[in-house]
Amino acid sequence: ITKTDGVTTATPGGSVTYTIVATNAGPSNAVSSTVADTFPATLTCNWTCTGAGGTCTAAGSGNINDSVNLPAGSSVTYTAVCSVDGSATGSLVNTATVTAP
């Protein structure tokens, strides 16, 4: 799994867009895997997902906790657009995970 936001600084009151890609290089299929991302409390997020051979839930809001099917050689890509709370301070730390079935 990879996660990028393309920025070095998030501005309170602004937004940040995360791209999360879960890939299965094979050789086995990973059916009913789970992609999860618990966003920090200072973020309010809406997300979409598209599959390149894999399947996922098309869209949602809040944290990601999605059952995905990743045949060998496939991937799913989440795009999370998040608003940063205007009173946010400090570092913005966030990690996504994928768990095999």
Protein backbone atom coordinates (compact mmCIF):
# COMPACT_ATOMS: atom_id res chain seq x y z
CA ILE A 1 0.00 0.00 0.00
CA THR A 2 1.16 3.53 -0.71
CA LYS A 3 -0.25 6.84 0.49
CA THR A 4 0.70 10.29 -0.76
CA ASP A 5 -0.66 13.80 -0.41
CA GLY A 6 1.86 15.68 -2.56
CA VAL A 7 2.38 18.48 -0.02
CA THR A 8 4.82 19.22 2.78
CA THR A 9 2.44 21.45 4.76
CA ALA A 10 -1.29 21.30 5.46
CA THR A 11 -2.94 24.61 6.29
CA PRO A 12 -5.62 24.88 9.01
CA GLY A 13 -8.90 25.75 7.32
CA GLY A 14 -7.61 24.37 4.01
CA SER A 15 -7.78 20.94 2.48
CA VAL A 16 -5.52 18.02 1.67
CA THR A 17 -6.04 15.26 -0.88
CA TYR A 18 -4.66 11.79 -0.20
CA THR A 19 -4.11 9.12 -2.83
CA ILE A 20 -4.05 5.60 -1.37
CA VAL A 21 -3.16 2.67 -3.64
CA ALA A 22 -3.39 -0.98 -2.56
CA THR A 23 -1.71 -3.35 -5.03
CA ASN A 24 -1.49 -7.13 -5.21
CA ALA A 25 1.64 -8.18 -7.12
CA GLY A 26 0.64 -11.84 -6.78
CA PRO A 27 1.13 -14.68 -7.20
CA SER A 28 -2.09 -15.41 -5.23
CA ASN A 29 -5.42 -13.58 -5.22
CA ALA A 30 -6.30 -11.53 -2.12
CA VAL A 31 -10.08 -11.80 -1.92
CA SER A 32 -11.83 -10.04 1.00
CA SER A 33 -8.79 -8.00 2.06
CA THR A 34 -9.37 -4.86 4.12
CA VAL A 35 -8.08 -1.37 3.36
CA ALA A 36 -8.24 0.85 6.43
CA ASP A 37 -7.39 4.47 7.15
CA THR A 38 -8.43 6.19 10.36
CA PHE A 39 -8.04 9.88 9.68
CA PRO A 40 -6.93 12.29 12.44
CA ALA A 41 -9.76 14.04 14.28
CA THR A 42 -8.71 17.37 12.68
CA LEU A 43 -9.73 16.06 9.23
CA THR A 44 -13.20 15.66 7.70
CA CYS A 45 -12.89 13.40 4.66
CA ASN A 46 -14.92 12.18 1.69
CA TRP A 47 -13.41 9.50 -0.50
CA THR A 48 -13.87 7.66 -3.76
CA CYS A 49 -12.35 4.39 -4.97
CA THR A 50 -11.68 2.90 -8.39
CA GLY A 51 -10.28 -0.49 -9.23
CA ALA A 52 -7.75 -1.54 -11.86
CA GLY A 53 -8.74 -5.19 -11.93
CA GLY A 54 -9.63 -5.03 -8.21
CA THR A 55 -12.96 -4.10 -6.64
CA CYS A 56 -13.80 -1.71 -3.80
CA THR A 57 -16.66 0.45 -2.50
CA ALA A 58 -17.17 3.35 -4.93
CA ALA A 59 -17.41 6.16 -2.34
CA GLY A 60 -17.81 7.03 1.31
CA SER A 61 -17.19 9.60 4.01
CA GLY A 62 -15.15 9.55 7.19
CA ASN A 63 -12.65 6.79 7.87
CA ILE A 64 -11.93 4.08 5.31
CA ASN A 65 -12.60 0.48 6.42
CA ASP A 66 -13.35 -1.23 3.14
CA SER A 67 -13.45 -4.87 2.03
CA VAL A 68 -11.64 -5.18 -1.30
CA ASN A 69 -10.95 -7.96 -3.78
CA LEU A 70 -7.45 -7.89 -5.22
CA PRO A 71 -6.76 -10.58 -7.80
CA ALA A 72 -3.06 -11.08 -8.59
CA GLY A 73 -1.81 -8.12 -10.63
CA SER A 74 -4.63 -5.77 -9.64
CA SER A 75 -4.97 -2.61 -7.57
CA VAL A 76 -7.51 -0.23 -6.05
CA THR A 77 -7.03 3.52 -5.71
CA TYR A 78 -8.73 5.70 -3.09
CA THR A 79 -8.82 9.48 -3.37
CA ALA A 80 -9.66 11.14 -0.05
CA VAL A 81 -10.40 14.86 -0.06
CA CYS A 82 -10.13 16.14 3.50
CA SER A 83 -10.92 19.50 5.08
CA VAL A 84 -8.46 20.54 7.80
CA ASP A 85 -10.09 21.98 10.94
CA GLY A 86 -9.39 25.70 11.22
CA SER A 87 -8.08 25.29 14.77
CA ALA A 88 -5.70 22.41 13.93
CA THR A 89 -2.14 22.68 15.24
CA GLY A 90 0.96 20.50 15.23
CA SER A 91 1.82 17.66 12.89
CA LEU A 92 -0.66 15.86 10.67
CA VAL A 93 0.19 12.14 10.86
CA ASN A 94 -1.86 9.51 9.06
CA THR A 95 -1.26 5.93 7.91
CA ALA A 96 -3.26 3.57 5.69
CA THR A 97 -3.09 -0.24 5.93
CA VAL A 98 -4.17 -3.23 3.88
CA THR A 99 -4.77 -6.56 5.60
CA ALA A 100 -4.94 -9.87 3.77
CA PRO A 101 -7.92 -12.13 4.48
